[in-house]
Amino acid sequence: MSRARTLVGAAGLACVACCIGPIIAVLGAIGAATVVGVAAFGVIGALVAVLAIPTLPRGRRNRCGATSPAEPVSVAAPTARLPSERRP
């Protein structure tokens, strides 16, 4: 039984030694693509923000053409109607 474990361990070690290079290469490529993607997303986001700044309102402006303040308007007080008095 001990010899079988030794052979399985040696086979596992050989597999790891053989395949570790491609595995690390794939993980490195994924990491590099992530860095490039984050950088591109940041540059595009900054570009959109810079292009959006001129469209933001620059504060409130008085667009009313009146030169004097408006005068108060009186409004009649509301009256309550019974349900039978309401129009259908």
PDB file of N, CA and C in Angstrom:
ATOM      1  N   MET A   1       0.827  -1.181   0.000  1.00  0.00           N
ATOM      2  CA  MET A   1       0.000   0.000   0.000  1.00  0.00           C
ATOM      3  C   MET A   1       0.874   1.248   0.000  1.00  0.00           C
ATOM      4  N   SER A   2       1.970   1.231   0.646  1.00  0.00           N
ATOM      5  CA  SER A   2       2.843   2.377   0.719  1.00  0.00           C
ATOM      6  C   SER A   2       3.445   2.692  -0.639  1.00  0.00           C
ATOM      7  N   ARG A   3       3.709   1.652  -1.416  1.00  0.00           N
ATOM      8  CA  ARG A   3       4.277   1.853  -2.751  1.00  0.00           C
ATOM      9  C   ARG A   3       3.240   2.509  -3.668  1.00  0.00           C
ATOM     10  N   ALA A   4       1.962   2.175  -3.534  1.00  0.00           N
ATOM     11  CA  ALA A   4       0.909   2.775  -4.352  1.00  0.00           C
ATOM     12  C   ALA A   4       0.787   4.268  -4.037  1.00  0.00           C
ATOM     13  N   ARG A   5       0.888   4.604  -2.784  1.00  0.00           N
ATOM     14  CA  ARG A   5       0.826   6.015  -2.405  1.00  0.00           C
ATOM     15  C   ARG A   5       2.030   6.777  -2.951  1.00  0.00           C
ATOM     16  N   THR A   6       3.142   6.172  -2.935  1.00  0.00           N
ATOM     17  CA  THR A   6       4.346   6.809  -3.456  1.00  0.00           C
ATOM     18  C   THR A   6       4.210   7.058  -4.951  1.00  0.00           C
ATOM     19  N   LEU A   7       3.671   6.080  -5.686  1.00  0.00           N
ATOM     20  CA  LEU A   7       3.487   6.249  -7.133  1.00  0.00           C
ATOM     21  C   LEU A   7       2.444   7.331  -7.438  1.00  0.00           C
ATOM     22  N   VAL A   8       1.378   7.364  -6.666  1.00  0.00           N
ATOM     23  CA  VAL A   8       0.345   8.391  -6.876  1.00  0.00           C
ATOM     24  C   VAL A   8       0.929   9.771  -6.557  1.00  0.00           C
ATOM     25  N   GLY A   9       1.719   9.862  -5.512  1.00  0.00           N
ATOM     26  CA  GLY A   9       2.340  11.141  -5.168  1.00  0.00           C
ATOM     27  C   GLY A   9       3.337  11.591  -6.213  1.00  0.00           C
ATOM     28  N   ALA A  10       4.105  10.653  -6.731  1.00  0.00           N
ATOM     29  CA  ALA A  10       5.073  10.991  -7.776  1.00  0.00           C
ATOM     30  C   ALA A  10       4.357  11.413  -9.056  1.00  0.00           C
ATOM     31  N   ALA A  11       3.263  10.755  -9.387  1.00  0.00           N
ATOM     32  CA  ALA A  11       2.494  11.123 -10.579  1.00  0.00           C
ATOM     33  C   ALA A  11       1.876  12.512 -10.408  1.00  0.00           C
ATOM     34  N   GLY A  12       1.390  12.797  -9.225  1.00  0.00           N
ATOM     35  CA  GLY A  12       0.834  14.124  -8.953  1.00  0.00           C
ATOM     36  C   GLY A  12       1.898  15.204  -9.023  1.00  0.00           C
ATOM     37  N   LEU A  13       3.059  14.913  -8.497  1.00  0.00           N
ATOM     38  CA  LEU A  13       4.155  15.866  -8.556  1.00  0.00           C
ATOM     39  C   LEU A  13       4.607  16.108  -9.988  1.00  0.00           C
ATOM     40  N   ALA A  14       4.640  15.059 -10.793  1.00  0.00           N
ATOM     41  CA  ALA A  14       5.009  15.199 -12.207  1.00  0.00           C
ATOM     42  C   ALA A  14       3.962  16.020 -12.955  1.00  0.00           C
ATOM     43  N   CYS A  15       2.715  15.807 -12.629  1.00  0.00           N
ATOM     44  CA  CYS A  15       1.640  16.563 -13.290  1.00  0.00           C
ATOM     45  C   CYS A  15       1.751  18.041 -12.919  1.00  0.00           C
ATOM     46  N   VAL A  16       1.978  18.332 -11.663  1.00  0.00           N
ATOM     47  CA  VAL A  16       2.107  19.721 -11.229  1.00  0.00           C
ATOM     48  C   VAL A  16       3.319  20.371 -11.879  1.00  0.00           C
ATOM     49  N   ALA A  17       4.432  19.639 -11.925  1.00  0.00           N
ATOM     50  CA  ALA A  17       5.650  20.188 -12.526  1.00  0.00           C
ATOM     51  C   ALA A  17       5.464  20.448 -14.014  1.00  0.00           C
ATOM     52  N   CYS A  18       4.693  19.609 -14.666  1.00  0.00           N
ATOM     53  CA  CYS A  18       4.487  19.766 -16.107  1.00  0.00           C
ATOM     54  C   CYS A  18       3.493  20.878 -16.422  1.00  0.00           C
ATOM     55  N   CYS A  19       2.446  20.983 -15.648  1.00  0.00           N
ATOM     56  CA  CYS A  19       1.335  21.881 -15.993  1.00  0.00           C
ATOM     57  C   CYS A  19       1.403  23.235 -15.297  1.00  0.00           C
ATOM     58  N   ILE A  20       2.340  23.446 -14.401  1.00  0.00           N
ATOM     59  CA  ILE A  20       2.351  24.700 -13.657  1.00  0.00           C
ATOM     60  C   ILE A  20       2.657  25.896 -14.552  1.00  0.00           C
ATOM     61  N   GLY A  21       3.484  25.712 -15.563  1.00  0.00           N
ATOM     62  CA  GLY A  21       3.821  26.808 -16.480  1.00  0.00           C
ATOM     63  C   GLY A  21       2.603  27.350 -17.214  1.00  0.00           C
ATOM     64  N   PRO A  22       1.830  26.484 -17.902  1.00  0.00           N
ATOM     65  CA  PRO A  22       0.629  26.984 -18.581  1.00  0.00           C
ATOM     66  C   PRO A  22      -0.418  27.560 -17.629  1.00  0.00           C
ATOM     67  N   ILE A  23      -0.532  26.977 -16.447  1.00  0.00           N
ATOM     68  CA  ILE A  23      -1.516  27.501 -15.485  1.00  0.00           C
ATOM     69  C   ILE A  23      -1.128  28.913 -15.055  1.00  0.00           C
ATOM     70  N   ILE A  24       0.142  29.111 -14.740  1.00  0.00           N
ATOM     71  CA  ILE A  24       0.602  30.448 -14.348  1.00  0.00           C
ATOM     72  C   ILE A  24       0.469  31.426 -15.518  1.00  0.00           C
ATOM     73  N   ALA A  25       0.721  30.945 -16.744  1.00  0.00           N
ATOM     74  CA  ALA A  25       0.573  31.821 -17.908  1.00  0.00           C
ATOM     75  C   ALA A  25      -0.879  32.267 -18.086  1.00  0.00           C
ATOM     76  N   VAL A  26      -1.805  31.345 -17.915  1.00  0.00           N
ATOM     77  CA  VAL A  26      -3.235  31.700 -18.041  1.00  0.00           C
ATOM     78  C   VAL A  26      -3.632  32.685 -16.944  1.00  0.00           C
ATOM     79  N   LEU A  27      -3.187  32.439 -15.712  1.00  0.00           N
ATOM     80  CA  LEU A  27      -3.517  33.370 -14.631  1.00  0.00           C
ATOM     81  C   LEU A  27      -2.885  34.739 -14.851  1.00  0.00           C
ATOM     82  N   GLY A  28      -1.661  34.757 -15.391  1.00  0.00           N
ATOM     83  CA  GLY A  28      -1.019  36.030 -15.709  1.00  0.00           C
ATOM     84  C   GLY A  28      -1.746  36.783 -16.804  1.00  0.00           C
ATOM     85  N   ALA A  29      -2.223  36.054 -17.813  1.00  0.00           N
ATOM     86  CA  ALA A  29      -2.974  36.700 -18.899  1.00  0.00           C
ATOM     87  C   ALA A  29      -4.292  37.263 -18.376  1.00  0.00           C
ATOM     88  N   ILE A  30      -4.936  36.529 -17.496  1.00  0.00           N
ATOM     89  CA  ILE A  30      -6.185  37.039 -16.902  1.00  0.00           C
ATOM     90  C   ILE A  30      -5.901  38.298 -16.086  1.00  0.00           C
ATOM     91  N   GLY A  31      -4.827  38.298 -15.312  1.00  0.00           N
ATOM     92  CA  GLY A  31      -4.464  39.485 -14.523  1.00  0.00           C
ATOM     93  C   GLY A  31      -4.125  40.668 -15.406  1.00  0.00           C
ATOM     94  N   ALA A  32      -3.377  40.424 -16.497  1.00  0.00           N
ATOM     95  CA  ALA A  32      -3.019  41.523 -17.406  1.00  0.00           C
ATOM     96  C   ALA A  32      -4.260  42.083 -18.091  1.00  0.00           C
ATOM     97  N   ALA A  33      -5.170  41.200 -18.490  1.00  0.00           N
ATOM     98  CA  ALA A  33      -6.402  41.673 -19.118  1.00  0.00           C
ATOM     99  C   ALA A  33      -7.247  42.474 -18.128  1.00  0.00           C
ATOM    100  N   THR A  34      -7.224  42.082 -16.876  1.00  0.00           N
ATOM    101  CA  THR A  34      -7.962  42.832 -15.854  1.00  0.00           C
ATOM    102  C   THR A  34      -7.373  44.228 -15.679  1.00  0.00           C
ATOM    103  N   VAL A  35      -6.053  44.314 -15.642  1.00  0.00           N
ATOM    104  CA  VAL A  35      -5.408  45.622 -15.492  1.00  0.00           C
ATOM    105  C   VAL A  35      -5.727  46.516 -16.683  1.00  0.00           C
ATOM    106  N   VAL A  36      -5.646  45.954 -17.888  1.00  0.00           N
ATOM    107  CA  VAL A  36      -5.953  46.736 -19.091  1.00  0.00           C
ATOM    108  C   VAL A  36      -7.423  47.161 -19.097  1.00  0.00           C
ATOM    109  N   GLY A  37      -8.315  46.267 -18.694  1.00  0.00           N
ATOM    110  CA  GLY A  37      -9.738  46.601 -18.649  1.00  0.00           C
ATOM    111  C   GLY A  37     -10.057  47.692 -17.651  1.00  0.00           C
ATOM    112  N   VAL A  38      -9.450  47.613 -16.472  1.00  0.00           N
ATOM    113  CA  VAL A  38      -9.687  48.649 -15.455  1.00  0.00           C
ATOM    114  C   VAL A  38      -9.145  49.995 -15.923  1.00  0.00           C
ATOM    115  N   ALA A  39      -7.967  49.979 -16.547  1.00  0.00           N
ATOM    116  CA  ALA A  39      -7.393  51.232 -17.041  1.00  0.00           C
ATOM    117  C   ALA A  39      -8.262  51.828 -18.147  1.00  0.00           C
ATOM    118  N   ALA A  40      -8.717  50.987 -19.070  1.00  0.00           N
ATOM    119  CA  ALA A  40      -9.571  51.479 -20.155  1.00  0.00           C
ATOM    120  C   ALA A  40     -10.883  52.024 -19.604  1.00  0.00           C
ATOM    121  N   PHE A  41     -11.461  51.319 -18.631  1.00  0.00           N
ATOM    122  CA  PHE A  41     -12.713  51.787 -18.037  1.00  0.00           C
ATOM    123  C   PHE A  41     -12.512  53.124 -17.337  1.00  0.00           C
ATOM    124  N   GLY A  42     -11.388  53.289 -16.669  1.00  0.00           N
ATOM    125  CA  GLY A  42     -11.099  54.565 -16.003  1.00  0.00           C
ATOM    126  C   GLY A  42     -10.916  55.701 -16.982  1.00  0.00           C
ATOM    127  N   VAL A  43     -10.196  55.442 -18.077  1.00  0.00           N
ATOM    128  CA  VAL A  43      -9.977  56.489 -19.082  1.00  0.00           C
ATOM    129  C   VAL A  43     -11.293  56.865 -19.750  1.00  0.00           C
ATOM    130  N   ILE A  44     -12.099  55.876 -20.103  1.00  0.00           N
ATOM    131  CA  ILE A  44     -13.389  56.165 -20.745  1.00  0.00           C
ATOM    132  C   ILE A  44     -14.312  56.902 -19.776  1.00  0.00           C
ATOM    133  N   GLY A  45     -14.312  56.502 -18.504  1.00  0.00           N
ATOM    134  CA  GLY A  45     -15.132  57.201 -17.505  1.00  0.00           C
ATOM    135  C   GLY A  45     -14.704  58.642 -17.322  1.00  0.00           C
ATOM    136  N   ALA A  46     -13.403  58.878 -17.287  1.00  0.00           N
ATOM    137  CA  ALA A  46     -12.907  60.249 -17.162  1.00  0.00           C
ATOM    138  C   ALA A  46     -13.266  61.076 -18.392  1.00  0.00           C
ATOM    139  N   LEU A  47     -13.191  60.482 -19.565  1.00  0.00           N
ATOM    140  CA  LEU A  47     -13.557  61.180 -20.798  1.00  0.00           C
ATOM    141  C   LEU A  47     -15.038  61.546 -20.810  1.00  0.00           C
ATOM    142  N   VAL A  48     -15.885  60.626 -20.384  1.00  0.00           N
ATOM    143  CA  VAL A  48     -17.325  60.925 -20.312  1.00  0.00           C
ATOM    144  C   VAL A  48     -17.584  62.033 -19.300  1.00  0.00           C
ATOM    145  N   ALA A  49     -16.899  61.999 -18.166  1.00  0.00           N
ATOM    146  CA  ALA A  49     -17.088  63.044 -17.155  1.00  0.00           C
ATOM    147  C   ALA A  49     -16.648  64.408 -17.679  1.00  0.00           C
ATOM    148  N   VAL A  50     -15.528  64.441 -18.395  1.00  0.00           N
ATOM    149  CA  VAL A  50     -15.050  65.721 -18.937  1.00  0.00           C
ATOM    150  C   VAL A  50     -16.010  66.245 -19.999  1.00  0.00           C
ATOM    151  N   LEU A  51     -16.556  65.352 -20.807  1.00  0.00           N
ATOM    152  CA  LEU A  51     -17.506  65.797 -21.835  1.00  0.00           C
ATOM    153  C   LEU A  51     -18.856  66.188 -21.250  1.00  0.00           C
ATOM    154  N   ALA A  52     -19.199  65.673 -20.062  1.00  0.00           N
ATOM    155  CA  ALA A  52     -20.490  65.981 -19.457  1.00  0.00           C
ATOM    156  C   ALA A  52     -20.472  67.294 -18.689  1.00  0.00           C
ATOM    157  N   ILE A  53     -19.308  67.778 -18.317  1.00  0.00           N
ATOM    158  CA  ILE A  53     -19.227  69.001 -17.508  1.00  0.00           C
ATOM    159  C   ILE A  53     -19.877  70.198 -18.199  1.00  0.00           C
ATOM    160  N   PRO A  54     -19.660  70.448 -19.498  1.00  0.00           N
ATOM    161  CA  PRO A  54     -20.295  71.621 -20.101  1.00  0.00           C
ATOM    162  C   PRO A  54     -21.827  71.564 -20.130  1.00  0.00           C
ATOM    163  N   THR A  55     -22.402  70.372 -20.034  1.00  0.00           N
ATOM    164  CA  THR A  55     -23.856  70.269 -20.076  1.00  0.00           C
ATOM    165  C   THR A  55     -24.509  70.485 -18.721  1.00  0.00           C
ATOM    166  N   LEU A  56     -23.731  70.497 -17.639  1.00  0.00           N
ATOM    167  CA  LEU A  56     -24.300  70.707 -16.309  1.00  0.00           C
ATOM    168  C   LEU A  56     -24.740  72.155 -16.158  1.00  0.00           C
ATOM    169  N   PRO A  57     -25.834  72.372 -15.455  1.00  0.00           N
ATOM    170  CA  PRO A  57     -26.282  73.760 -15.248  1.00  0.00           C
ATOM    171  C   PRO A  57     -25.272  74.521 -14.398  1.00  0.00           C
ATOM    172  N   ARG A  58     -25.091  75.771 -14.700  1.00  0.00           N
ATOM    173  CA  ARG A  58     -24.115  76.586 -13.983  1.00  0.00           C
ATOM    174  C   ARG A  58     -24.770  77.456 -12.912  1.00  0.00           C
ATOM    175  N   GLY A  59     -25.775  76.995 -12.292  1.00  0.00           N
ATOM    176  CA  GLY A  59     -26.452  77.758 -11.245  1.00  0.00           C
ATOM    177  C   GLY A  59     -27.796  78.268 -11.749  1.00  0.00           C
ATOM    178  N   ARG A  60     -28.561  78.805 -10.835  1.00  0.00           N
ATOM    179  CA  ARG A  60     -29.881  79.318 -11.218  1.00  0.00           C
ATOM    180  C   ARG A  60     -29.753  80.676 -11.865  1.00  0.00           C
ATOM    181  N   ARG A  61     -30.507  80.844 -12.887  1.00  0.00           N
ATOM    182  CA  ARG A  61     -30.558  82.149 -13.556  1.00  0.00           C
ATOM    183  C   ARG A  61     -32.002  82.615 -13.562  1.00  0.00           C
ATOM    184  N   ASN A  62     -32.192  83.901 -13.438  1.00  0.00           N
ATOM    185  CA  ASN A  62     -33.533  84.452 -13.466  1.00  0.00           C
ATOM    186  C   ASN A  62     -33.958  84.585 -14.925  1.00  0.00           C
ATOM    187  N   ARG A  63     -34.832  83.733 -15.363  1.00  0.00           N
ATOM    188  CA  ARG A  63     -35.249  83.738 -16.760  1.00  0.00           C
ATOM    189  C   ARG A  63     -36.598  84.431 -16.949  1.00  0.00           C
ATOM    190  N   CYS A  64     -37.109  84.999 -15.878  1.00  0.00           N
ATOM    191  CA  CYS A  64     -38.388  85.698 -15.962  1.00  0.00           C
ATOM    192  C   CYS A  64     -38.142  87.100 -16.517  1.00  0.00           C
ATOM    193  N   GLY A  65     -38.994  87.539 -17.428  1.00  0.00           N
ATOM    194  CA  GLY A  65     -38.799  88.846 -18.041  1.00  0.00           C
ATOM    195  C   GLY A  65     -39.419  89.983 -17.250  1.00  0.00           C
ATOM    196  N   ALA A  66     -40.072  89.687 -16.127  1.00  0.00           N
ATOM    197  CA  ALA A  66     -40.724  90.733 -15.344  1.00  0.00           C
ATOM    198  C   ALA A  66     -39.675  91.546 -14.592  1.00  0.00           C
ATOM    199  N   THR A  67     -39.894  92.842 -14.564  1.00  0.00           N
ATOM    200  CA  THR A  67     -38.953  93.711 -13.856  1.00  0.00           C
ATOM    201  C   THR A  67     -39.386  93.979 -12.423  1.00  0.00           C
ATOM    202  N   SER A  68     -40.680  93.806 -12.120  1.00  0.00           N
ATOM    203  CA  SER A  68     -41.167  94.034 -10.761  1.00  0.00           C
ATOM    204  C   SER A  68     -41.767  92.724 -10.234  1.00  0.00           C
ATOM    205  N   PRO A  69     -41.805  92.559  -8.937  1.00  0.00           N
ATOM    206  CA  PRO A  69     -42.365  91.320  -8.388  1.00  0.00           C
ATOM    207  C   PRO A  69     -43.867  91.222  -8.668  1.00  0.00           C
ATOM    208  N   ALA A  70     -44.343  90.013  -8.787  1.00  0.00           N
ATOM    209  CA  ALA A  70     -45.767  89.779  -9.059  1.00  0.00           C
ATOM    210  C   ALA A  70     -46.597  90.142  -7.840  1.00  0.00           C
ATOM    211  N   GLU A  71     -47.832  90.549  -8.105  1.00  0.00           N
ATOM    212  CA  GLU A  71     -48.729  90.902  -7.017  1.00  0.00           C
ATOM    213  C   GLU A  71     -49.501  89.666  -6.571  1.00  0.00           C
ATOM    214  N   PRO A  72     -49.887  89.619  -5.314  1.00  0.00           N
ATOM    215  CA  PRO A  72     -50.632  88.452  -4.826  1.00  0.00           C
ATOM    216  C   PRO A  72     -52.006  88.351  -5.481  1.00  0.00           C
ATOM    217  N   VAL A  73     -52.448  87.131  -5.679  1.00  0.00           N
ATOM    218  CA  VAL A  73     -53.752  86.854  -6.289  1.00  0.00           C
ATOM    219  C   VAL A  73     -54.607  86.175  -5.237  1.00  0.00           C
ATOM    220  N   SER A  74     -55.828  86.662  -5.037  1.00  0.00           N
ATOM    221  CA  SER A  74     -56.706  86.039  -4.048  1.00  0.00           C
ATOM    222  C   SER A  74     -57.407  84.837  -4.680  1.00  0.00           C
ATOM    223  N   VAL A  75     -57.541  83.812  -3.882  1.00  0.00           N
ATOM    224  CA  VAL A  75     -58.165  82.565  -4.330  1.00  0.00           C
ATOM    225  C   VAL A  75     -59.288  82.259  -3.374  1.00  0.00           C
ATOM    226  N   ALA A  76     -60.440  81.832  -3.925  1.00  0.00           N
ATOM    227  CA  ALA A  76     -61.593  81.513  -3.088  1.00  0.00           C
ATOM    228  C   ALA A  76     -61.310  80.263  -2.266  1.00  0.00           C
ATOM    229  N   ALA A  77     -61.840  80.236  -1.067  1.00  0.00           N
ATOM    230  CA  ALA A  77     -61.653  79.089  -0.189  1.00  0.00           C
ATOM    231  C   ALA A  77     -62.422  77.888  -0.743  1.00  0.00           C
ATOM    232  N   PRO A  78     -61.883  76.711  -0.646  1.00  0.00           N
ATOM    233  CA  PRO A  78     -62.585  75.529  -1.145  1.00  0.00           C
ATOM    234  C   PRO A  78     -63.783  75.196  -0.265  1.00  0.00           C
ATOM    235  N   THR A  79     -64.772  74.609  -0.861  1.00  0.00           N
ATOM    236  CA  THR A  79     -65.965  74.203  -0.113  1.00  0.00           C
ATOM    237  C   THR A  79     -66.119  72.699  -0.211  1.00  0.00           C
ATOM    238  N   ALA A  80     -66.596  72.115   0.851  1.00  0.00           N
ATOM    239  CA  ALA A  80     -66.816  70.670   0.871  1.00  0.00           C
ATOM    240  C   ALA A  80     -68.225  70.386   0.394  1.00  0.00           C
ATOM    241  N   ARG A  81     -68.363  69.390  -0.435  1.00  0.00           N
ATOM    242  CA  ARG A  81     -69.692  68.988  -0.923  1.00  0.00           C
ATOM    243  C   ARG A  81     -70.021  67.608  -0.394  1.00  0.00           C
ATOM    244  N   LEU A  82     -71.284  67.408  -0.187  1.00  0.00           N
ATOM    245  CA  LEU A  82     -71.738  66.085   0.206  1.00  0.00           C
ATOM    246  C   LEU A  82     -71.627  65.156  -1.003  1.00  0.00           C
ATOM    247  N   PRO A  83     -71.493  63.867  -0.759  1.00  0.00           N
ATOM    248  CA  PRO A  83     -71.401  62.933  -1.891  1.00  0.00           C
ATOM    249  C   PRO A  83     -72.613  63.013  -2.816  1.00  0.00           C
ATOM    250  N   SER A  84     -73.786  63.357  -2.293  1.00  0.00           N
ATOM    251  CA  SER A  84     -74.975  63.435  -3.141  1.00  0.00           C
ATOM    252  C   SER A  84     -74.927  64.689  -4.031  1.00  0.00           C
ATOM    253  N   GLU A  85     -74.151  65.713  -3.664  1.00  0.00           N
ATOM    254  CA  GLU A  85     -74.062  66.933  -4.442  1.00  0.00           C
ATOM    255  C   GLU A  85     -72.996  66.877  -5.541  1.00  0.00           C
ATOM    256  N   ARG A  86     -72.136  65.890  -5.454  1.00  0.00           N
ATOM    257  CA  ARG A  86     -71.060  65.786  -6.438  1.00  0.00           C
ATOM    258  C   ARG A  86     -71.598  65.276  -7.760  1.00  0.00           C
ATOM    259  N   ARG A  87     -70.921  65.738  -8.810  1.00  0.00           N
ATOM    260  CA  ARG A  87     -71.318  65.267 -10.136  1.00  0.00           C
ATOM    261  C   ARG A  87     -70.808  63.841 -10.354  1.00  0.00           C
ATOM    262  N   PRO A  88     -71.547  63.020 -11.067  1.00  0.00           N
ATOM    263  CA  PRO A  88     -71.129  61.625 -11.294  1.00  0.00           C
ATOM    264  C   PRO A  88     -69.996  61.552 -12.298  1.00  0.00           C
TER     265      PRO A  88
END
